[in-house]
N, C-alpha and C. Protein backbone atom coordinates (compact mmCIF):
# COMPACT_ATOMS: atom_id res chain seq x y z
N MET A 1 99.33 82.84 105.08
CA MET A 1 99.11 83.97 105.96
C MET A 1 99.62 85.27 105.32
N ILE A 2 100.84 85.23 104.79
CA ILE A 2 101.42 86.41 104.15
C ILE A 2 100.62 86.78 102.91
N GLY A 3 100.16 85.78 102.18
CA GLY A 3 99.34 86.04 101.00
C GLY A 3 98.06 86.77 101.35
N LYS A 4 97.43 86.37 102.46
CA LYS A 4 96.20 87.03 102.90
C LYS A 4 96.47 88.47 103.30
N LEU A 5 97.58 88.68 103.99
CA LEU A 5 97.95 90.03 104.41
C LEU A 5 98.22 90.91 103.20
N LYS A 6 98.95 90.37 102.21
CA LYS A 6 99.23 91.14 101.00
C LYS A 6 97.93 91.47 100.26
N LYS A 7 97.03 90.49 100.18
CA LYS A 7 95.74 90.73 99.51
C LYS A 7 94.97 91.83 100.22
N LEU A 8 94.95 91.81 101.54
CA LEU A 8 94.26 92.84 102.31
C LEU A 8 94.86 94.22 102.06
N LEU A 9 96.19 94.29 102.03
CA LEU A 9 96.85 95.57 101.77
C LEU A 9 96.56 96.09 100.37
N VAL A 10 96.59 95.20 99.39
CA VAL A 10 96.30 95.62 98.01
C VAL A 10 94.86 96.11 97.90
N GLU A 11 93.93 95.40 98.55
CA GLU A 11 92.52 95.82 98.51
C GLU A 11 92.34 97.17 99.19
N THR A 12 93.07 97.39 100.27
CA THR A 12 92.94 98.63 101.02
C THR A 12 93.63 99.79 100.32
N LEU A 13 94.84 99.55 99.84
CA LEU A 13 95.65 100.63 99.29
C LEU A 13 95.57 100.77 97.78
N GLY A 14 95.12 99.76 97.10
CA GLY A 14 95.09 99.80 95.64
C GLY A 14 96.14 98.86 95.08
N GLU A 15 96.10 98.66 93.78
CA GLU A 15 97.02 97.75 93.11
C GLU A 15 98.45 98.20 93.22
N ASP A 16 99.32 97.26 93.42
CA ASP A 16 100.75 97.52 93.38
C ASP A 16 101.21 97.33 91.95
N ASP A 17 102.12 98.15 91.51
CA ASP A 17 102.59 98.06 90.12
C ASP A 17 103.74 97.09 89.95
N GLY A 18 104.12 96.38 91.02
CA GLY A 18 105.19 95.40 90.93
C GLY A 18 106.57 96.01 90.99
N GLN A 19 106.69 97.31 91.03
CA GLN A 19 107.99 97.96 91.06
C GLN A 19 108.30 98.53 92.43
N GLY A 20 107.41 98.32 93.37
CA GLY A 20 107.62 98.86 94.71
C GLY A 20 107.36 100.35 94.71
N GLY A 21 106.57 100.82 95.64
CA GLY A 21 106.32 102.25 95.73
C GLY A 21 105.32 102.76 94.71
N GLY A 22 104.69 101.86 93.96
CA GLY A 22 103.74 102.30 92.95
C GLY A 22 102.57 103.06 93.53
N HIS A 23 102.09 102.58 94.66
CA HIS A 23 100.97 103.26 95.32
C HIS A 23 101.39 104.67 95.73
N ASP A 24 102.55 104.79 96.34
CA ASP A 24 103.02 106.10 96.78
C ASP A 24 103.20 107.04 95.59
N LEU A 25 103.73 106.51 94.50
CA LEU A 25 103.94 107.31 93.29
C LEU A 25 102.61 107.82 92.75
N ARG A 26 101.65 106.95 92.66
CA ARG A 26 100.33 107.34 92.16
C ARG A 26 99.67 108.36 93.08
N LEU A 27 99.74 108.11 94.37
CA LEU A 27 99.11 109.01 95.34
C LEU A 27 99.79 110.38 95.32
N ALA A 28 101.11 110.40 95.24
CA ALA A 28 101.84 111.67 95.19
C ALA A 28 101.48 112.46 93.94
N THR A 29 101.40 111.78 92.81
CA THR A 29 101.02 112.45 91.56
C THR A 29 99.60 112.99 91.66
N ALA A 30 98.69 112.17 92.16
CA ALA A 30 97.30 112.60 92.31
C ALA A 30 97.19 113.81 93.25
N ALA A 31 97.97 113.80 94.31
CA ALA A 31 97.93 114.92 95.26
C ALA A 31 98.36 116.22 94.60
N LEU A 32 99.39 116.17 93.77
CA LEU A 32 99.85 117.39 93.10
C LEU A 32 98.81 117.88 92.08
N LEU A 33 98.21 116.96 91.36
CA LEU A 33 97.17 117.35 90.40
C LEU A 33 95.97 117.97 91.13
N LEU A 34 95.58 117.36 92.23
CA LEU A 34 94.45 117.88 92.99
C LEU A 34 94.77 119.23 93.62
N GLU A 35 95.98 119.37 94.12
CA GLU A 35 96.38 120.66 94.70
C GLU A 35 96.29 121.76 93.66
N MET A 36 96.67 121.45 92.42
CA MET A 36 96.56 122.45 91.36
C MET A 36 95.10 122.75 91.05
N ALA A 37 94.27 121.73 91.02
CA ALA A 37 92.84 121.96 90.75
C ALA A 37 92.23 122.88 91.80
N ARG A 38 92.75 122.82 93.01
CA ARG A 38 92.24 123.65 94.11
C ARG A 38 92.93 125.01 94.19
N ALA A 39 94.00 125.21 93.44
CA ALA A 39 94.85 126.39 93.62
C ALA A 39 94.23 127.69 93.13
N GLY A 40 93.42 127.63 92.13
CA GLY A 40 92.85 128.86 91.60
C GLY A 40 91.78 129.41 92.51
N ASP A 41 90.98 130.28 91.96
CA ASP A 41 89.89 130.86 92.75
C ASP A 41 88.95 129.77 93.26
N ASP A 42 88.63 128.81 92.43
CA ASP A 42 87.77 127.69 92.79
C ASP A 42 88.22 126.46 92.04
N GLU A 43 87.96 125.28 92.63
CA GLU A 43 88.19 124.04 91.90
C GLU A 43 87.03 123.90 90.92
N THR A 44 87.34 123.89 89.64
CA THR A 44 86.29 123.80 88.63
C THR A 44 86.07 122.35 88.22
N PRO A 45 84.88 122.03 87.72
CA PRO A 45 84.64 120.68 87.23
C PRO A 45 85.61 120.29 86.10
N GLU A 46 85.99 121.28 85.28
CA GLU A 46 86.94 121.00 84.19
C GLU A 46 88.29 120.56 84.75
N GLU A 47 88.74 121.23 85.78
CA GLU A 47 90.04 120.88 86.37
C GLU A 47 89.98 119.50 87.02
N ARG A 48 88.90 119.21 87.70
CA ARG A 48 88.75 117.90 88.34
C ARG A 48 88.72 116.79 87.28
N ARG A 49 87.95 117.00 86.20
CA ARG A 49 87.89 116.01 85.12
C ARG A 49 89.25 115.83 84.47
N GLU A 50 89.96 116.93 84.27
CA GLU A 50 91.29 116.85 83.66
C GLU A 50 92.24 116.07 84.56
N ALA A 51 92.16 116.28 85.86
CA ALA A 51 93.01 115.52 86.79
C ALA A 51 92.68 114.03 86.71
N GLU A 52 91.40 113.68 86.67
CA GLU A 52 91.00 112.28 86.54
C GLU A 52 91.50 111.69 85.23
N THR A 53 91.33 112.45 84.14
CA THR A 53 91.78 111.99 82.83
C THR A 53 93.29 111.77 82.81
N MET A 54 94.03 112.72 83.35
CA MET A 54 95.49 112.60 83.40
C MET A 54 95.93 111.36 84.17
N LEU A 55 95.33 111.13 85.33
CA LEU A 55 95.68 109.96 86.13
C LEU A 55 95.34 108.67 85.41
N ALA A 56 94.14 108.60 84.84
CA ALA A 56 93.72 107.40 84.13
C ALA A 56 94.65 107.09 82.96
N ARG A 57 94.99 108.10 82.20
CA ARG A 57 95.86 107.91 81.04
C ARG A 57 97.29 107.58 81.46
N HIS A 58 97.83 108.35 82.39
CA HIS A 58 99.24 108.19 82.77
C HIS A 58 99.51 106.84 83.44
N PHE A 59 98.59 106.41 84.29
CA PHE A 59 98.80 105.16 85.03
C PHE A 59 98.03 103.98 84.44
N ALA A 60 97.37 104.19 83.31
CA ALA A 60 96.61 103.14 82.63
C ALA A 60 95.63 102.48 83.59
N ILE A 61 94.81 103.31 84.24
CA ILE A 61 93.80 102.82 85.17
C ILE A 61 92.43 103.30 84.71
N GLU A 62 91.39 102.64 85.21
CA GLU A 62 90.02 103.02 84.88
C GLU A 62 89.67 104.37 85.51
N ARG A 63 88.68 105.00 84.95
CA ARG A 63 88.24 106.31 85.46
C ARG A 63 87.80 106.24 86.93
N ASP A 64 87.11 105.16 87.30
CA ASP A 64 86.68 104.98 88.69
C ASP A 64 87.88 104.89 89.62
N ALA A 65 88.92 104.20 89.18
CA ALA A 65 90.14 104.09 90.00
C ALA A 65 90.80 105.45 90.14
N ALA A 66 90.77 106.25 89.08
CA ALA A 66 91.34 107.60 89.15
C ALA A 66 90.55 108.47 90.13
N GLU A 67 89.22 108.33 90.12
CA GLU A 67 88.39 109.07 91.07
C GLU A 67 88.73 108.68 92.50
N GLY A 68 88.89 107.37 92.73
CA GLY A 68 89.25 106.89 94.06
C GLY A 68 90.62 107.38 94.49
N LEU A 69 91.53 107.43 93.55
CA LEU A 69 92.88 107.93 93.83
C LEU A 69 92.83 109.40 94.22
N LEU A 70 92.02 110.18 93.53
CA LEU A 70 91.87 111.60 93.89
C LEU A 70 91.23 111.76 95.27
N ALA A 71 90.30 110.88 95.61
CA ALA A 71 89.69 110.94 96.94
C ALA A 71 90.73 110.65 98.02
N ARG A 72 91.57 109.65 97.79
CA ARG A 72 92.64 109.35 98.75
C ARG A 72 93.65 110.49 98.80
N ALA A 73 93.91 111.10 97.65
CA ALA A 73 94.84 112.23 97.61
C ALA A 73 94.29 113.41 98.41
N ALA A 74 92.98 113.63 98.33
CA ALA A 74 92.36 114.71 99.10
C ALA A 74 92.57 114.48 100.59
N ASP A 75 92.41 113.24 101.02
CA ASP A 75 92.63 112.91 102.43
C ASP A 75 94.09 113.12 102.81
N SER A 76 95.00 112.69 101.94
CA SER A 76 96.43 112.87 102.21
C SER A 76 96.80 114.35 102.28
N LEU A 77 96.26 115.14 101.38
CA LEU A 77 96.52 116.58 101.40
C LEU A 77 96.00 117.22 102.68
N GLU A 78 94.85 116.75 103.13
CA GLU A 78 94.25 117.28 104.35
C GLU A 78 95.17 117.07 105.56
N HIS A 79 95.90 115.96 105.56
CA HIS A 79 96.76 115.61 106.70
C HIS A 79 98.23 115.93 106.46
N SER A 80 98.56 116.53 105.34
CA SER A 80 99.96 116.82 105.05
C SER A 80 100.36 118.18 105.59
N VAL A 81 101.65 118.32 105.84
CA VAL A 81 102.19 119.58 106.31
C VAL A 81 102.61 120.45 105.13
N SER A 82 103.15 119.80 104.09
CA SER A 82 103.61 120.54 102.92
C SER A 82 103.59 119.62 101.70
N LEU A 83 103.83 120.21 100.55
CA LEU A 83 103.89 119.43 99.31
C LEU A 83 105.19 118.65 99.20
N PHE A 84 106.16 118.97 100.03
CA PHE A 84 107.45 118.29 99.98
C PHE A 84 107.30 116.79 100.18
N GLU A 85 106.38 116.37 101.03
CA GLU A 85 106.24 114.93 101.26
C GLU A 85 105.79 114.20 100.00
N PHE A 86 105.11 114.89 99.10
CA PHE A 86 104.70 114.29 97.84
C PHE A 86 105.81 114.39 96.79
N THR A 87 106.45 115.56 96.71
CA THR A 87 107.52 115.72 95.72
C THR A 87 108.73 114.88 96.08
N ARG A 88 108.94 114.62 97.36
CA ARG A 88 110.05 113.76 97.79
C ARG A 88 109.90 112.36 97.19
N VAL A 89 108.69 111.83 97.21
CA VAL A 89 108.41 110.51 96.63
C VAL A 89 108.73 110.53 95.14
N LEU A 90 108.30 111.57 94.45
CA LEU A 90 108.54 111.65 93.00
C LEU A 90 110.02 111.81 92.69
N ASN A 91 110.71 112.64 93.46
CA ASN A 91 112.15 112.82 93.23
C ASN A 91 112.93 111.53 93.47
N ALA A 92 112.50 110.74 94.43
CA ALA A 92 113.20 109.50 94.75
C ALA A 92 112.90 108.39 93.75
N THR A 93 111.78 108.50 93.06
CA THR A 93 111.30 107.42 92.21
C THR A 93 111.48 107.67 90.71
N LEU A 94 111.33 108.91 90.29
CA LEU A 94 111.25 109.22 88.87
C LEU A 94 112.53 109.82 88.30
N SER A 95 112.71 109.62 87.01
CA SER A 95 113.81 110.27 86.29
C SER A 95 113.44 111.74 86.06
N ALA A 96 114.39 112.51 85.58
CA ALA A 96 114.14 113.92 85.28
C ALA A 96 113.03 114.07 84.23
N ALA A 97 113.05 113.22 83.22
CA ALA A 97 112.02 113.29 82.17
C ALA A 97 110.64 112.94 82.73
N GLU A 98 110.59 111.98 83.64
CA GLU A 98 109.31 111.60 84.24
C GLU A 98 108.79 112.69 85.17
N ARG A 99 109.69 113.35 85.88
CA ARG A 99 109.27 114.47 86.73
C ARG A 99 108.74 115.61 85.87
N ARG A 100 109.39 115.84 84.75
CA ARG A 100 108.91 116.87 83.82
C ARG A 100 107.50 116.53 83.35
N LYS A 101 107.24 115.27 83.07
CA LYS A 101 105.91 114.84 82.63
C LYS A 101 104.87 115.14 83.71
N VAL A 102 105.21 114.91 84.97
CA VAL A 102 104.28 115.22 86.06
C VAL A 102 103.96 116.71 86.08
N VAL A 103 104.97 117.55 85.93
CA VAL A 103 104.74 119.00 85.92
C VAL A 103 103.90 119.39 84.70
N GLU A 104 104.11 118.74 83.57
CA GLU A 104 103.27 119.00 82.40
C GLU A 104 101.81 118.66 82.69
N MET A 105 101.59 117.53 83.38
CA MET A 105 100.23 117.14 83.74
C MET A 105 99.59 118.18 84.67
N VAL A 106 100.36 118.64 85.64
CA VAL A 106 99.87 119.66 86.57
C VAL A 106 99.50 120.94 85.81
N ALA A 107 100.34 121.32 84.86
CA ALA A 107 100.07 122.53 84.06
C ALA A 107 98.81 122.36 83.22
N GLU A 108 98.60 121.17 82.69
CA GLU A 108 97.38 120.90 81.90
C GLU A 108 96.13 121.06 82.77
N VAL A 109 96.21 120.59 84.00
CA VAL A 109 95.07 120.75 84.92
C VAL A 109 94.81 122.23 85.15
N ALA A 110 95.87 122.99 85.37
CA ALA A 110 95.72 124.43 85.64
C ALA A 110 95.04 125.15 84.48
N ALA A 111 95.39 124.82 83.26
CA ALA A 111 94.88 125.53 82.09
C ALA A 111 93.57 124.96 81.56
N SER A 112 93.13 123.83 82.10
CA SER A 112 91.98 123.14 81.53
C SER A 112 90.67 123.91 81.62
N ASP A 113 90.57 124.86 82.54
CA ASP A 113 89.34 125.64 82.65
C ASP A 113 89.40 126.96 81.90
N GLY A 114 90.48 127.15 81.12
CA GLY A 114 90.61 128.37 80.33
C GLY A 114 91.18 129.55 81.11
N HIS A 115 91.58 129.32 82.35
CA HIS A 115 92.17 130.36 83.20
C HIS A 115 93.47 129.83 83.78
N PHE A 116 94.39 130.73 84.03
CA PHE A 116 95.67 130.35 84.65
C PHE A 116 96.07 131.53 85.53
N ASP A 117 95.47 131.58 86.72
CA ASP A 117 95.65 132.75 87.57
C ASP A 117 96.99 132.74 88.31
N LYS A 118 97.25 133.80 89.05
CA LYS A 118 98.55 133.97 89.71
C LYS A 118 98.81 132.89 90.75
N HIS A 119 97.77 132.37 91.39
CA HIS A 119 97.96 131.30 92.37
C HIS A 119 98.40 130.01 91.69
N GLU A 120 97.77 129.72 90.55
CA GLU A 120 98.14 128.53 89.78
C GLU A 120 99.55 128.67 89.22
N GLN A 121 99.89 129.85 88.74
CA GLN A 121 101.24 130.07 88.22
C GLN A 121 102.29 129.91 89.32
N HIS A 122 101.98 130.43 90.50
CA HIS A 122 102.91 130.31 91.63
C HIS A 122 103.10 128.84 92.01
N LEU A 123 102.00 128.10 92.10
CA LEU A 123 102.09 126.69 92.46
C LEU A 123 102.87 125.91 91.41
N LEU A 124 102.63 126.17 90.15
CA LEU A 124 103.36 125.47 89.09
C LEU A 124 104.86 125.75 89.20
N SER A 125 105.22 127.00 89.43
CA SER A 125 106.63 127.36 89.60
C SER A 125 107.24 126.66 90.81
N LYS A 126 106.49 126.64 91.90
CA LYS A 126 106.96 125.99 93.13
C LYS A 126 107.18 124.49 92.91
N LEU A 127 106.23 123.84 92.24
CA LEU A 127 106.37 122.41 91.98
C LEU A 127 107.53 122.12 91.04
N ALA A 128 107.71 122.96 90.05
CA ALA A 128 108.86 122.79 89.14
C ALA A 128 110.16 122.88 89.92
N ASP A 129 110.24 123.81 90.86
CA ASP A 129 111.43 123.92 91.70
C ASP A 129 111.60 122.70 92.60
N LEU A 130 110.52 122.28 93.26
CA LEU A 130 110.59 121.12 94.16
C LEU A 130 110.95 119.83 93.43
N LEU A 131 110.59 119.76 92.15
CA LEU A 131 110.90 118.58 91.34
C LEU A 131 112.18 118.76 90.52
N HIS A 132 112.93 119.80 90.84
CA HIS A 132 114.26 120.05 90.28
C HIS A 132 114.27 120.22 88.76
N LEU A 133 113.27 120.92 88.24
CA LEU A 133 113.28 121.26 86.82
C LEU A 133 114.01 122.58 86.63
N ARG A 134 114.64 122.72 85.48
CA ARG A 134 115.29 123.99 85.17
C ARG A 134 114.23 125.04 84.85
N ARG A 135 114.58 126.30 85.04
CA ARG A 135 113.63 127.39 84.78
C ARG A 135 113.18 127.40 83.32
N ALA A 136 114.08 127.06 82.41
CA ALA A 136 113.71 127.01 81.00
C ALA A 136 112.66 125.92 80.75
N GLU A 137 112.78 124.80 81.44
CA GLU A 137 111.78 123.74 81.31
C GLU A 137 110.42 124.21 81.83
N TYR A 138 110.46 124.87 82.98
CA TYR A 138 109.22 125.42 83.55
C TYR A 138 108.56 126.38 82.57
N ALA A 139 109.34 127.29 82.01
CA ALA A 139 108.80 128.28 81.07
C ALA A 139 108.18 127.61 79.85
N SER A 140 108.83 126.58 79.35
CA SER A 140 108.33 125.86 78.19
C SER A 140 107.02 125.12 78.52
N ILE A 141 106.99 124.46 79.67
CA ILE A 141 105.79 123.74 80.10
C ILE A 141 104.63 124.71 80.27
N ARG A 142 104.89 125.83 80.91
CA ARG A 142 103.86 126.84 81.15
C ARG A 142 103.31 127.37 79.83
N ALA A 143 104.19 127.72 78.90
CA ALA A 143 103.76 128.25 77.60
C ALA A 143 102.94 127.23 76.83
N ASN A 144 103.37 125.97 76.83
CA ASN A 144 102.64 124.93 76.12
C ASN A 144 101.25 124.71 76.71
N ALA A 145 101.16 124.70 78.04
CA ALA A 145 99.87 124.51 78.70
C ALA A 145 98.92 125.67 78.41
N LEU A 146 99.46 126.88 78.43
CA LEU A 146 98.64 128.06 78.12
C LEU A 146 98.09 127.96 76.70
N GLN A 147 98.95 127.57 75.77
CA GLN A 147 98.53 127.46 74.38
C GLN A 147 97.46 126.38 74.21
N ARG A 148 97.69 125.20 74.78
CA ARG A 148 96.72 124.11 74.65
C ARG A 148 95.40 124.44 75.35
N GLY A 149 95.48 125.17 76.46
CA GLY A 149 94.28 125.54 77.19
C GLY A 149 93.56 126.75 76.64
N GLY A 150 94.14 127.37 75.62
CA GLY A 150 93.53 128.56 75.03
C GLY A 150 93.56 129.76 75.95
N VAL A 151 94.58 129.82 76.80
CA VAL A 151 94.71 130.91 77.77
C VAL A 151 95.72 131.91 77.24
N ALA A 152 95.35 133.18 77.26
CA ALA A 152 96.28 134.24 76.82
C ALA A 152 97.37 134.40 77.86
N PRO A 153 98.64 134.42 77.44
CA PRO A 153 99.73 134.61 78.40
C PRO A 153 99.68 135.99 79.03
N ARG A 154 100.10 136.06 80.29
CA ARG A 154 100.13 137.34 81.01
C ARG A 154 101.53 137.77 81.24
């Protein structure tokens, strides 16, 4: 009976990573990436693809699974009050280096369309603060993303 229930939950929520909270971690990360893709003037196809690529690579999942994760993240964002509910999961689960990696991924999404507007910069700064990164780390992440995205610093 418990096995059937677990199977149903895994099918509904996605694969568990065996470490507990894997689903929440993946969903929280996807939500932050998607929020950044939506933060600029428009969500561009480049930003959406970059978010899918980042999720697939970071969590070693197929592209289809990453697309599904972004769809669930969109639903979660629709029903969320703030980004804190997502960053809380990451702060409770990840080390400082792992949180930095998430912010780097978010920055890559922001710069992937060749633009990094003031809304994206504000969101990146806010997420860096919510994930307890130092300002110097934020500045370094921002500069690296701008350079890789071919965006002129402002």
